[in-house]
C-alpha atoms as a PDB file:
ATOM      1  CA  PHE A   1     -39.873 146.003 111.148  1.00  0.00           C
ATOM      2  CA  PRO A   2     -40.683 143.222 108.634  1.00  0.00           C
ATOM      3  CA  ALA A   3     -40.479 140.423 111.219  1.00  0.00           C
ATOM      4  CA  LEU A   4     -42.377 142.436 113.831  1.00  0.00           C
ATOM      5  CA  PHE A   5     -45.278 143.304 111.546  1.00  0.00           C
ATOM      6  CA  ALA A   6     -45.473 139.771 110.127  1.00  0.00           C
ATOM      7  CA  MET A   7     -46.003 138.558 113.694  1.00  0.00           C
ATOM      8  CA  LEU A   8     -48.502 141.341 114.454  1.00  0.00           C
ATOM      9  CA  PHE A   9     -50.641 140.555 111.411  1.00  0.00           C
ATOM     10  CA  ALA A  10     -50.594 136.798 112.068  1.00  0.00           C
ATOM     11  CA  ALA A  11     -51.454 137.279 115.747  1.00  0.00           C
ATOM     12  CA  SER A  12     -54.190 139.761 114.810  1.00  0.00           C
ATOM     13  CA  ALA A  13     -55.795 137.249 112.457  1.00  0.00           C
ATOM     14  CA  VAL A  14     -55.950 134.658 115.255  1.00  0.00           C
ATOM     15  CA  ALA A  15     -57.119 137.255 117.777  1.00  0.00           C
ATOM     16  CA  ALA A  16     -59.947 138.428 115.496  1.00  0.00           C
ATOM     17  CA  TRP A  17     -61.175 134.829 115.331  1.00  0.00           C
ATOM     18  CA  LEU A  18     -60.600 133.873 118.963  1.00  0.00           C
ATOM     19  CA  LEU A  19     -60.869 136.762 121.409  1.00  0.00           C
ATOM     20  CA  LEU A  20     -64.032 138.028 123.058  1.00  0.00           C
ATOM     21  CA  PRO A  21     -64.889 141.649 122.144  1.00  0.00           C
ATOM     22  CA  ALA A  22     -63.471 143.322 125.260  1.00  0.00           C
ATOM     23  CA  ASP A  23     -60.280 141.283 124.954  1.00  0.00           C
ATOM     24  CA  LEU A  24     -60.007 142.111 121.261  1.00  0.00           C
ATOM     25  CA  VAL A  25     -60.220 145.821 122.112  1.00  0.00           C
ATOM     26  CA  ASP A  26     -57.345 145.385 124.576  1.00  0.00           C
ATOM     27  CA  PHE A  27     -55.405 143.454 121.941  1.00  0.00           C
ATOM     28  CA  ALA A  28     -56.004 146.184 119.351  1.00  0.00           C
ATOM     29  CA  LYS A  29     -54.705 148.795 121.790  1.00  0.00           C
ATOM     30  CA  SER A  30     -51.544 146.750 122.244  1.00  0.00           C
ATOM     31  CA  VAL A  31     -51.095 146.398 118.450  1.00  0.00           C
ATOM     32  CA  LEU A  32     -51.464 150.154 118.066  1.00  0.00           C
ATOM     33  CA  ALA A  33     -48.982 150.845 120.867  1.00  0.00           C
ATOM     34  CA  THR A  34     -46.517 148.254 119.569  1.00  0.00           C
ATOM     35  CA  SER A  35     -46.674 149.733 116.055  1.00  0.00           C
ATOM     36  CA  VAL A  36     -45.398 153.065 117.357  1.00  0.00           C
ATOM     37  CA  PHE A  37     -42.971 151.492 119.865  1.00  0.00           C
ATOM     38  CA  GLY A  38     -44.901 152.655 122.901  1.00  0.00           C
ATOM     39  CA  SER A  39     -46.303 149.419 124.323  1.00  0.00           C
ATOM     40  CA  ASN A  40     -44.222 149.772 127.486  1.00  0.00           C
ATOM     41  CA  PHE A  41     -46.236 152.907 128.312  1.00  0.00           C
ATOM     42  CA  LEU A  42     -49.494 151.041 127.665  1.00  0.00           C
ATOM     43  CA  PHE A  43     -48.612 148.090 129.895  1.00  0.00           C
ATOM     44  CA  TRP A  44     -47.185 150.370 132.560  1.00  0.00           C
ATOM     45  CA  GLY A  45     -50.510 152.212 132.624  1.00  0.00           C
ATOM     46  CA  GLU A  46     -52.429 148.944 132.830  1.00  0.00           C
ATOM     47  CA  ALA A  47     -50.188 147.389 135.488  1.00  0.00           C
ATOM     48  CA  GLY A  48     -52.362 145.989 138.218  1.00  0.00           C
ATOM     49  CA  TYR A  49     -55.575 146.920 136.386  1.00  0.00           C
ATOM     50  CA  PHE A  50     -58.031 144.321 137.720  1.00  0.00           C
ATOM     51  CA  GLY A  51     -54.999 142.118 138.218  1.00  0.00           C
ATOM     52  CA  ARG A  52     -54.755 140.929 134.599  1.00  0.00           C
ATOM     53  CA  ALA A  53     -52.411 137.962 134.469  1.00  0.00           C
ATOM     54  CA  ALA A  54     -49.408 138.302 132.186  1.00  0.00           C
ATOM     55  CA  GLU A  55     -50.339 135.176 130.257  1.00  0.00           C
ATOM     56  CA  GLU A  56     -53.604 136.827 129.201  1.00  0.00           C
ATOM     57  CA  ILE A  57     -51.820 139.593 127.250  1.00  0.00           C
ATOM     58  CA  PRO A  58     -50.569 138.220 123.885  1.00  0.00           C
ATOM     59  CA  LEU A  59     -48.277 141.187 123.103  1.00  0.00           C
ATOM     60  CA  LEU A  60     -46.999 141.862 126.607  1.00  0.00           C
ATOM     61  CA  HIS A  61     -43.465 140.905 125.593  1.00  0.00           C
ATOM     62  CA  THR A  62     -43.240 143.855 123.188  1.00  0.00           C
ATOM     63  CA  TRP A  63     -42.652 146.229 126.124  1.00  0.00           C
ATOM     64  CA  SER A  64     -38.949 145.398 125.910  1.00  0.00           C
ATOM     65  CA  LEU A  65     -38.843 146.087 122.166  1.00  0.00           C
ATOM     66  CA  ALA A  66     -40.358 149.499 122.884  1.00  0.00           C
ATOM     67  CA  VAL A  67     -37.660 150.205 125.481  1.00  0.00           C
ATOM     68  CA  GLU A  68     -34.961 149.207 122.975  1.00  0.00           C
ATOM     69  CA  GLU A  69     -36.365 151.399 120.216  1.00  0.00           C
ATOM     70  CA  GLN A  70     -36.720 154.375 122.522  1.00  0.00           C
ATOM     71  CA  TYR A  71     -33.083 153.886 123.516  1.00  0.00           C
ATOM     72  CA  TYR A  72     -31.987 153.549 119.870  1.00  0.00           C
ATOM     73  CA  ILE A  73     -33.700 156.842 119.066  1.00  0.00           C
ATOM     74  CA  LEU A  74     -32.517 158.834 122.087  1.00  0.00           C
ATOM     75  CA  PHE A  75     -28.979 157.483 122.558  1.00  0.00           C
ATOM     76  CA  PRO A  76     -27.682 158.609 119.125  1.00  0.00           C
ATOM     77  CA  LEU A  77     -29.120 162.066 119.807  1.00  0.00           C
ATOM     78  CA  PHE A  78     -27.269 162.032 123.114  1.00  0.00           C
ATOM     79  CA  LEU A  79     -24.032 161.069 121.309  1.00  0.00           C
ATOM     80  CA  LEU A  80     -24.536 163.918 118.831  1.00  0.00           C
ATOM     81  CA  TRP A  81     -24.862 166.286 121.767  1.00  0.00           C
ATOM     82  CA  VAL A  82     -21.656 164.861 123.267  1.00  0.00           C
ATOM     83  CA  ALA A  83     -19.870 165.066 119.890  1.00  0.00           C
ATOM     84  CA  ALA A  84     -20.478 168.792 119.794  1.00  0.00           C
ATOM     85  CA  ARG A  85     -18.403 169.009 122.963  1.00  0.00           C
ATOM     86  CA  GLY A  86     -15.604 166.648 121.929  1.00  0.00           C
ATOM     87  CA  ARG A  87     -15.721 163.054 120.680  1.00  0.00           C
ATOM     88  CA  LYS A  88     -13.257 161.857 123.320  1.00  0.00           C
ATOM     89  CA  ARG A  89     -15.972 162.285 125.930  1.00  0.00           C
ATOM     90  CA  TYR A  90     -18.168 159.491 124.553  1.00  0.00           C
ATOM     91  CA  VAL A  91     -17.031 156.912 127.110  1.00  0.00           C
ATOM     92  CA  THR A  92     -17.190 159.281 130.075  1.00  0.00           C
ATOM     93  CA  ALA A  93     -20.629 160.604 129.136  1.00  0.00           C
ATOM     94  CA  THR A  94     -22.013 157.105 128.510  1.00  0.00           C
ATOM     95  CA  ALA A  95     -20.552 155.834 131.781  1.00  0.00           C
ATOM     96  CA  LEU A  96     -22.159 158.711 133.697  1.00  0.00           C
ATOM     97  CA  VAL A  97     -25.575 158.089 132.126  1.00  0.00           C
ATOM     98  CA  THR A  98     -25.258 154.344 132.720  1.00  0.00           C
ATOM     99  CA  ALA A  99     -24.380 154.842 136.380  1.00  0.00           C
ATOM    100  CA  ALA A 100     -27.087 157.460 136.881  1.00  0.00           C
ATOM    101  CA  THR A 101     -29.873 155.360 135.348  1.00  0.00           C
ATOM    102  CA  PHE A 102     -28.758 152.321 137.391  1.00  0.00           C
ATOM    103  CA  ALA A 103     -28.930 154.386 140.574  1.00  0.00           C
ATOM    104  CA  LEU A 104     -32.341 155.682 139.484  1.00  0.00           C
ATOM    105  CA  SER A 105     -33.538 152.105 138.983  1.00  0.00           C
ATOM    106  CA  VAL A 106     -32.361 151.020 142.434  1.00  0.00           C
ATOM    107  CA  VAL A 107     -33.867 154.030 144.202  1.00  0.00           C
ATOM    108  CA  THR A 108     -37.208 153.953 142.355  1.00  0.00           C
ATOM    109  CA  LEU A 109     -37.888 150.202 142.511  1.00  0.00           C
ATOM    110  CA  PRO A 110     -39.338 150.198 146.069  1.00  0.00           C
ATOM    111  CA  ILE A 111     -41.370 153.320 145.292  1.00  0.00           C
ATOM    112  CA  ASP A 112     -42.834 152.427 141.888  1.00  0.00           C
ATOM    113  CA  PRO A 113     -41.889 148.893 140.765  1.00  0.00           C
ATOM    114  CA  ASP A 114     -44.130 149.024 137.685  1.00  0.00           C
ATOM    115  CA  ALA A 115     -42.495 152.163 136.295  1.00  0.00           C
ATOM    116  CA  THR A 116     -39.052 150.783 137.088  1.00  0.00           C
ATOM    117  CA  PHE A 117     -39.857 147.615 135.182  1.00  0.00           C
ATOM    118  CA  TYR A 118     -41.481 149.084 132.071  1.00  0.00           C
ATOM    119  CA  LEU A 119     -39.936 152.499 131.424  1.00  0.00           C
ATOM    120  CA  ALA A 120     -36.728 153.216 129.516  1.00  0.00           C
ATOM    121  CA  PRO A 121     -35.051 155.643 131.978  1.00  0.00           C
ATOM    122  CA  PHE A 122     -34.825 152.808 134.514  1.00  0.00           C
ATOM    123  CA  ARG A 123     -33.608 150.273 131.933  1.00  0.00           C
ATOM    124  CA  ALA A 124     -31.148 152.413 129.980  1.00  0.00           C
ATOM    125  CA  TRP A 125     -28.173 151.314 132.100  1.00  0.00           C
ATOM    126  CA  GLU A 126     -28.601 147.710 130.906  1.00  0.00           C
ATOM    127  CA  LEU A 127     -28.141 148.846 127.300  1.00  0.00           C
ATOM    128  CA  GLY A 128     -25.510 151.316 128.489  1.00  0.00           C
ATOM    129  CA  LEU A 129     -23.272 148.427 129.549  1.00  0.00           C
ATOM    130  CA  GLY A 130     -23.315 147.201 125.960  1.00  0.00           C
ATOM    131  CA  ALA A 131     -22.616 150.704 124.698  1.00  0.00           C
ATOM    132  CA  LEU A 132     -19.549 150.950 126.941  1.00  0.00           C
ATOM    133  CA  LEU A 133     -18.257 147.658 125.548  1.00  0.00           C
ATOM    134  CA  ALA A 134     -18.886 148.858 121.984  1.00  0.00           C
ATOM    135  CA  LEU A 135     -17.040 152.111 122.701  1.00  0.00           C
ATOM    136  CA  GLY A 136     -13.985 150.201 123.937  1.00  0.00           C
ATOM    137  CA  ALA A 137     -14.234 151.490 127.487  1.00  0.00           C
ATOM    138  CA  PHE A 138     -12.387 148.415 128.736  1.00  0.00           C
ATOM    139  CA  PRO A 139      -9.142 147.265 127.059  1.00  0.00           C
ATOM    140  CA  ALA A 140      -9.461 143.778 125.555  1.00  0.00           C
ATOM    141  CA  PRO A 141      -8.076 141.027 127.836  1.00  0.00           C
ATOM    142  CA  HIS A 142      -5.142 139.451 126.002  1.00  0.00           C
ATOM    143  CA  ARG A 143      -4.234 136.781 128.574  1.00  0.00           C
ATOM    144  CA  HIS A 144      -6.053 133.511 128.018  1.00  0.00           C
ATOM    145  CA  ALA A 145      -6.237 132.794 131.746  1.00  0.00           C
ATOM    146  CA  LEU A 146      -7.952 136.132 132.368  1.00  0.00           C
ATOM    147  CA  ARG A 147     -10.434 135.555 129.542  1.00  0.00           C
ATOM    148  CA  THR A 148     -11.217 132.089 130.901  1.00  0.00           C
ATOM    149  CA  LEU A 149     -11.764 133.462 134.414  1.00  0.00           C
ATOM    150  CA  VAL A 150     -13.949 136.385 133.306  1.00  0.00           C
ATOM    151  CA  GLY A 151     -15.999 134.245 130.914  1.00  0.00           C
ATOM    152  CA  GLY A 152     -16.535 131.634 133.621  1.00  0.00           C
ATOM    153  CA  LEU A 153     -17.607 134.251 136.147  1.00  0.00           C
ATOM    154  CA  GLY A 154     -19.966 135.701 133.551  1.00  0.00           C
ATOM    155  CA  ILE A 155     -21.775 132.459 132.836  1.00  0.00           C
ATOM    156  CA  ALA A 156     -21.864 131.707 136.578  1.00  0.00           C
ATOM    157  CA  ALA A 157     -23.493 135.073 137.289  1.00  0.00           C
ATOM    158  CA  ILE A 158     -26.202 134.391 134.710  1.00  0.00           C
ATOM    159  CA  ALA A 159     -26.731 130.856 136.058  1.00  0.00           C
ATOM    160  CA  VAL A 160     -27.109 132.120 139.632  1.00  0.00           C
ATOM    161  CA  ALA A 161     -29.774 134.587 138.491  1.00  0.00           C
ATOM    162  CA  VAL A 162     -31.636 131.923 136.497  1.00  0.00           C
ATOM    163  CA  ILE A 163     -31.583 129.414 139.356  1.00  0.00           C
ATOM    164  CA  THR A 164     -32.111 131.595 142.416  1.00  0.00           C
ATOM    165  CA  TYR A 165     -34.349 134.457 141.278  1.00  0.00           C
ATOM    166  CA  THR A 166     -38.044 133.930 141.979  1.00  0.00           C
ATOM    167  CA  PRO A 167     -41.225 135.967 141.346  1.00  0.00           C
ATOM    168  CA  ALA A 168     -40.589 137.478 144.790  1.00  0.00           C
ATOM    169  CA  THR A 169     -37.180 138.867 143.763  1.00  0.00           C
ATOM    170  CA  PRO A 170     -37.394 142.685 143.432  1.00  0.00           C
ATOM    171  CA  PHE A 171     -36.592 143.365 139.796  1.00  0.00           C
ATOM    172  CA  PRO A 172     -34.970 145.032 137.937  1.00  0.00           C
ATOM    173  CA  GLY A 173     -33.029 147.269 140.367  1.00  0.00           C
ATOM    174  CA  ALA A 174     -29.884 145.794 141.877  1.00  0.00           C
ATOM    175  CA  ALA A 175     -30.978 142.255 141.051  1.00  0.00           C
ATOM    176  CA  ALA A 176     -30.645 142.976 137.324  1.00  0.00           C
ATOM    177  CA  LEU A 177     -26.973 143.784 137.816  1.00  0.00           C
ATOM    178  CA  LEU A 178     -25.972 140.121 138.143  1.00  0.00           C
ATOM    179  CA  PRO A 179     -27.219 138.798 134.765  1.00  0.00           C
ATOM    180  CA  CYS A 180     -26.309 142.030 132.961  1.00  0.00           C
ATOM    181  CA  LEU A 181     -22.746 142.061 134.283  1.00  0.00           C
ATOM    182  CA  GLY A 182     -22.548 138.360 133.478  1.00  0.00           C
ATOM    183  CA  ALA A 183     -23.470 138.992 129.847  1.00  0.00           C
ATOM    184  CA  ALA A 184     -21.072 141.948 129.665  1.00  0.00           C
ATOM    185  CA  ALA A 185     -18.264 139.810 131.130  1.00  0.00           C
ATOM    186  CA  ILE A 186     -18.726 137.109 128.490  1.00  0.00           C
ATOM    187  CA  ILE A 187     -18.734 139.664 125.671  1.00  0.00           C
ATOM    188  CA  TRP A 188     -15.674 141.471 127.080  1.00  0.00           C
ATOM    189  CA  ALA A 189     -13.752 138.213 127.504  1.00  0.00           C
ATOM    190  CA  GLY A 190     -14.474 137.356 123.868  1.00  0.00           C
ATOM    191  CA  SER A 191     -13.138 140.710 122.670  1.00  0.00           C
ATOM    192  CA  GLY A 192      -9.608 139.533 123.468  1.00  0.00           C
ATOM    193  CA  GLY A 193      -9.782 136.136 121.780  1.00  0.00           C
ATOM    194  CA  HIS A 194     -10.990 132.604 122.450  1.00  0.00           C
ATOM    195  CA  HIS A 195     -12.123 131.378 125.846  1.00  0.00           C
ATOM    196  CA  PRO A 196     -14.063 128.243 126.903  1.00  0.00           C
ATOM    197  CA  VAL A 197     -17.452 129.919 127.372  1.00  0.00           C
ATOM    198  CA  GLY A 198     -17.074 131.769 124.077  1.00  0.00           C
ATOM    199  CA  ASP A 199     -16.126 128.524 122.325  1.00  0.00           C
ATOM    200  CA  ALA A 200     -19.244 126.838 123.735  1.00  0.00           C
ATOM    201  CA  LEU A 201     -21.384 129.738 122.525  1.00  0.00           C
ATOM    202  CA  SER A 202     -19.802 129.371 119.074  1.00  0.00           C
ATOM    203  CA  LEU A 203     -21.148 125.844 118.545  1.00  0.00           C
ATOM    204  CA  ARG A 204     -23.461 125.734 115.546  1.00  0.00           C
ATOM    205  CA  PRO A 205     -26.678 124.793 117.416  1.00  0.00           C
ATOM    206  CA  VAL A 206     -26.110 127.675 119.847  1.00  0.00           C
ATOM    207  CA  VAL A 207     -25.310 130.077 117.023  1.00  0.00           C
ATOM    208  CA  LEU A 208     -28.561 129.038 115.324  1.00  0.00           C
ATOM    209  CA  VAL A 209     -30.483 130.004 118.457  1.00  0.00           C
ATOM    210  CA  GLY A 210     -28.727 133.371 118.309  1.00  0.00           C
ATOM    211  CA  LEU A 211     -29.602 133.855 114.651  1.00  0.00           C
ATOM    212  CA  ILE A 212     -33.309 133.195 115.192  1.00  0.00           C
ATOM    213  CA  SER A 213     -33.439 134.821 118.641  1.00  0.00           C
ATOM    214  CA  TYR A 214     -35.192 138.027 117.547  1.00  0.00           C
ATOM    215  CA  SER A 215     -37.900 136.161 115.650  1.00  0.00           C
ATOM    216  CA  LEU A 216     -38.183 133.613 118.458  1.00  0.00           C
ATOM    217  CA  TYR A 217     -38.664 136.474 120.894  1.00  0.00           C
ATOM    218  CA  LEU A 218     -41.435 137.863 118.674  1.00  0.00           C
ATOM    219  CA  TRP A 219     -43.348 134.601 118.231  1.00  0.00           C
ATOM    220  CA  HIS A 220     -43.047 132.652 121.470  1.00  0.00           C
ATOM    221  CA  TRP A 221     -45.328 134.689 123.717  1.00  0.00           C
ATOM    222  CA  PRO A 222     -48.330 135.207 121.368  1.00  0.00           C
ATOM    223  CA  ILE A 223     -48.421 131.471 120.630  1.00  0.00           C
ATOM    224  CA  LEU A 224     -48.340 130.518 124.310  1.00  0.00           C
ATOM    225  CA  SER A 225     -50.774 133.252 125.349  1.00  0.00           C
ATOM    226  CA  LEU A 226     -53.384 132.661 122.643  1.00  0.00           C
ATOM    227  CA  TRP A 227     -53.253 128.897 123.165  1.00  0.00           C
ATOM    228  CA  ARG A 228     -53.881 129.389 126.903  1.00  0.00           C
ATOM    229  CA  TYR A 229     -56.807 131.648 126.036  1.00  0.00           C
ATOM    230  CA  PHE A 230     -58.247 128.985 123.724  1.00  0.00           C
ATOM    231  CA  ALA A 231     -57.762 126.188 126.290  1.00  0.00           C
ATOM    232  CA  LEU A 232     -59.214 128.212 129.204  1.00  0.00           C
ATOM    233  CA  ARG A 233     -56.593 126.622 131.488  1.00  0.00           C
ATOM    234  CA  GLU A 234     -52.872 126.206 131.958  1.00  0.00           C
ATOM    235  CA  LEU A 235     -51.244 124.230 129.157  1.00  0.00           C
ATOM    236  CA  THR A 236     -50.108 120.667 129.754  1.00  0.00           C
ATOM    237  CA  PRO A 237     -46.382 119.873 129.395  1.00  0.00           C
ATOM    238  CA  VAL A 238     -47.058 118.316 125.987  1.00  0.00           C
ATOM    239  CA  GLU A 239     -49.016 121.368 124.835  1.00  0.00           C
ATOM    240  CA  THR A 240     -46.314 123.695 126.115  1.00  0.00           C
ATOM    241  CA  ALA A 241     -43.618 121.723 124.309  1.00  0.00           C
ATOM    242  CA  THR A 242     -45.719 121.820 121.132  1.00  0.00           C
ATOM    243  CA  ALA A 243     -46.187 125.579 121.465  1.00  0.00           C
ATOM    244  CA  VAL A 244     -42.439 126.065 121.910  1.00  0.00           C
ATOM    245  CA  ALA A 245     -41.768 123.879 118.852  1.00  0.00           C
ATOM    246  CA  MET A 246     -44.253 125.976 116.873  1.00  0.00           C
ATOM    247  CA  ALA A 247     -42.491 129.150 118.010  1.00  0.00           C
ATOM    248  CA  VAL A 248     -39.099 127.772 116.952  1.00  0.00           C
ATOM    249  CA  ALA A 249     -40.480 126.751 113.543  1.00  0.00           C
ATOM    250  CA  ALA A 250     -42.080 130.176 113.065  1.00  0.00           C
ATOM    251  CA  ALA A 251     -38.820 131.836 114.125  1.00  0.00           C
ATOM    252  CA  VAL A 252     -36.765 129.868 111.592  1.00  0.00           C
ATOM    253  CA  VAL A 253     -39.195 130.754 108.808  1.00  0.00           C
ATOM    254  CA  SER A 254     -39.276 134.393 109.902  1.00  0.00           C
ATOM    255  CA  TRP A 255     -35.481 134.655 110.087  1.00  0.00           C
ATOM    256  CA  ARG A 256     -34.860 132.955 106.752  1.00  0.00           C
ATOM    257  CA  TRP A 257     -37.630 134.427 104.615  1.00  0.00           C
ATOM    258  CA  ILE A 258     -38.544 137.703 106.352  1.00  0.00           C
ATOM    259  CA  GLU A 259     -35.542 139.011 108.299  1.00  0.00           C
ATOM    260  CA  ARG A 260     -32.668 138.077 105.985  1.00  0.00           C
ATOM    261  CA  PRO A 261     -34.146 139.278 102.653  1.00  0.00           C
ATOM    262  CA  PHE A 262     -34.436 142.836 103.995  1.00  0.00           C
ATOM    263  CA  ARG A 263     -30.997 143.068 105.603  1.00  0.00           C
ATOM    264  CA  GLY A 264     -27.851 144.724 104.336  1.00  0.00           C
ATOM    265  CA  ARG A 265     -27.009 146.586 101.164  1.00  0.00           C
ATOM    266  CA  SER A 266     -28.250 143.694  99.023  1.00  0.00           C
ATOM    267  CA  GLY A 267     -31.701 143.691 100.656  1.00  0.00           C
ATOM    268  CA  LEU A 268     -34.930 143.666  98.682  1.00  0.00           C
ATOM    269  CA  LEU A 269     -35.473 147.393  99.290  1.00  0.00           C
ATOM    270  CA  ASP A 270     -33.075 150.291  99.524  1.00  0.00           C
ATOM    271  CA  ARG A 271     -33.105 152.439 102.642  1.00  0.00           C
ATOM    272  CA  ARG A 272     -35.636 154.969 101.344  1.00  0.00           C
ATOM    273  CA  GLN A 273     -38.002 152.259 100.099  1.00  0.00           C
ATOM    274  CA  LEU A 274     -37.670 150.341 103.350  1.00  0.00           C
ATOM    275  CA  PHE A 275     -38.570 153.343 105.474  1.00  0.00           C
ATOM    276  CA  ALA A 276     -41.468 154.229 103.183  1.00  0.00           C
ATOM    277  CA  ALA A 277     -42.802 150.676 103.322  1.00  0.00           C
ATOM    278  CA  ALA A 278     -42.356 150.598 107.103  1.00  0.00           C
ATOM    279  CA  LEU A 279     -44.315 153.825 107.498  1.00  0.00           C
ATOM    280  CA  ALA A 280     -47.088 152.476 105.278  1.00  0.00           C
ATOM    281  CA  VAL A 281     -47.352 149.276 107.307  1.00  0.00           C
ATOM    282  CA  MET A 282     -47.326 151.245 110.564  1.00  0.00           C
ATOM    283  CA  VAL A 283     -50.207 153.393 109.305  1.00  0.00           C
ATOM    284  CA  LEU A 284     -52.114 150.267 108.242  1.00  0.00           C
ATOM    285  CA  ALA A 285     -51.596 148.602 111.626  1.00  0.00           C
ATOM    286  CA  VAL A 286     -52.580 151.726 113.544  1.00  0.00           C
ATOM    287  CA  GLY A 287     -55.652 152.234 111.346  1.00  0.00           C
ATOM    288  CA  ALA A 288     -56.836 148.631 111.679  1.00  0.00           C
ATOM    289  CA  SER A 289     -56.325 148.791 115.440  1.00  0.00           C
ATOM    290  CA  ALA A 290     -58.287 152.032 115.697  1.00  0.00           C
ATOM    291  CA  VAL A 291     -61.185 150.506 113.742  1.00  0.00           C
ATOM    292  CA  ALA A 292     -61.280 147.491 116.083  1.00  0.00           C
ATOM    293  CA  ILE A 293     -61.272 149.766 119.115  1.00  0.00           C
ATOM    294  CA  VAL A 294     -64.031 152.039 117.765  1.00  0.00           C
ATOM    295  CA  ALA A 295     -66.064 148.955 116.780  1.00  0.00           C
ATOM    296  CA  GLU A 296     -65.743 147.716 120.381  1.00  0.00           C
ATOM    297  CA  GLY A 297     -64.174 144.459 119.296  1.00  0.00           C
ATOM    298  CA  TRP A 298     -66.823 143.606 116.671  1.00  0.00           C
ATOM    299  CA  PRO A 299     -69.342 141.908 119.013  1.00  0.00           C
ATOM    300  CA  GLY A 300     -71.208 140.626 115.925  1.00  0.00           C
ATOM    301  CA  ARG A 301     -68.517 138.044 115.405  1.00  0.00           C
END
């Protein structure tokens, strides 16, 4: 919450200065939807609307945060339901839901690719793989040779997806299986001990990227999108590199002075205070967004 709303307020300040009224209204709608973790529904509804390019939507990336939050709310409720019928069924129930939502994603992709991309029921299996690992569905591999093989196959699967997938690749559906299984393989291999891929991912520069990854996710797209809007063209390689450097710098600051101070039992606020503050900030963000929408983007600017 703290890192998300810090980004939203900073991006809103730039948007209020930069965007034309109609675009500011669209931006305000996305802030409102993001504040209540529903931006995936907003962007699903707008998919294909006058063919808006992705780079013109500063908060487009928050669709995946919305999917995560919806999963984090619904999955524990699902586990409570399973617990009432016997805790030993956690793995079986999670495996069934994971398989069912994967099948749903594959079947629905040709019919409604936008819904399959943006909505949680078609993405739940990706998070379900992680849940199965967390639940210990697969015994840890104790042989070093097996860990090395699985970790290598995992990184290879991710590399193949990165290199060979194009904008024409139907996604998510079956195509998402390769990178997701690759990530799961690397995590599973590491659960049994050291392996070469895990050792490479444990190097300090790589770990730093992991530490700032949430904040980097939050900041990278608004910076790139708003800069493109300001330039009225595609960014040059130098401008793109500068934007990425700005995103990394913002992510480091956000992680160190916004994320970390609120984490854990020694955080600045206790749980009740944190939730109260989060609710207050959500109300503020929703209210400010509603005012911008009603004011039609403040044309007087």
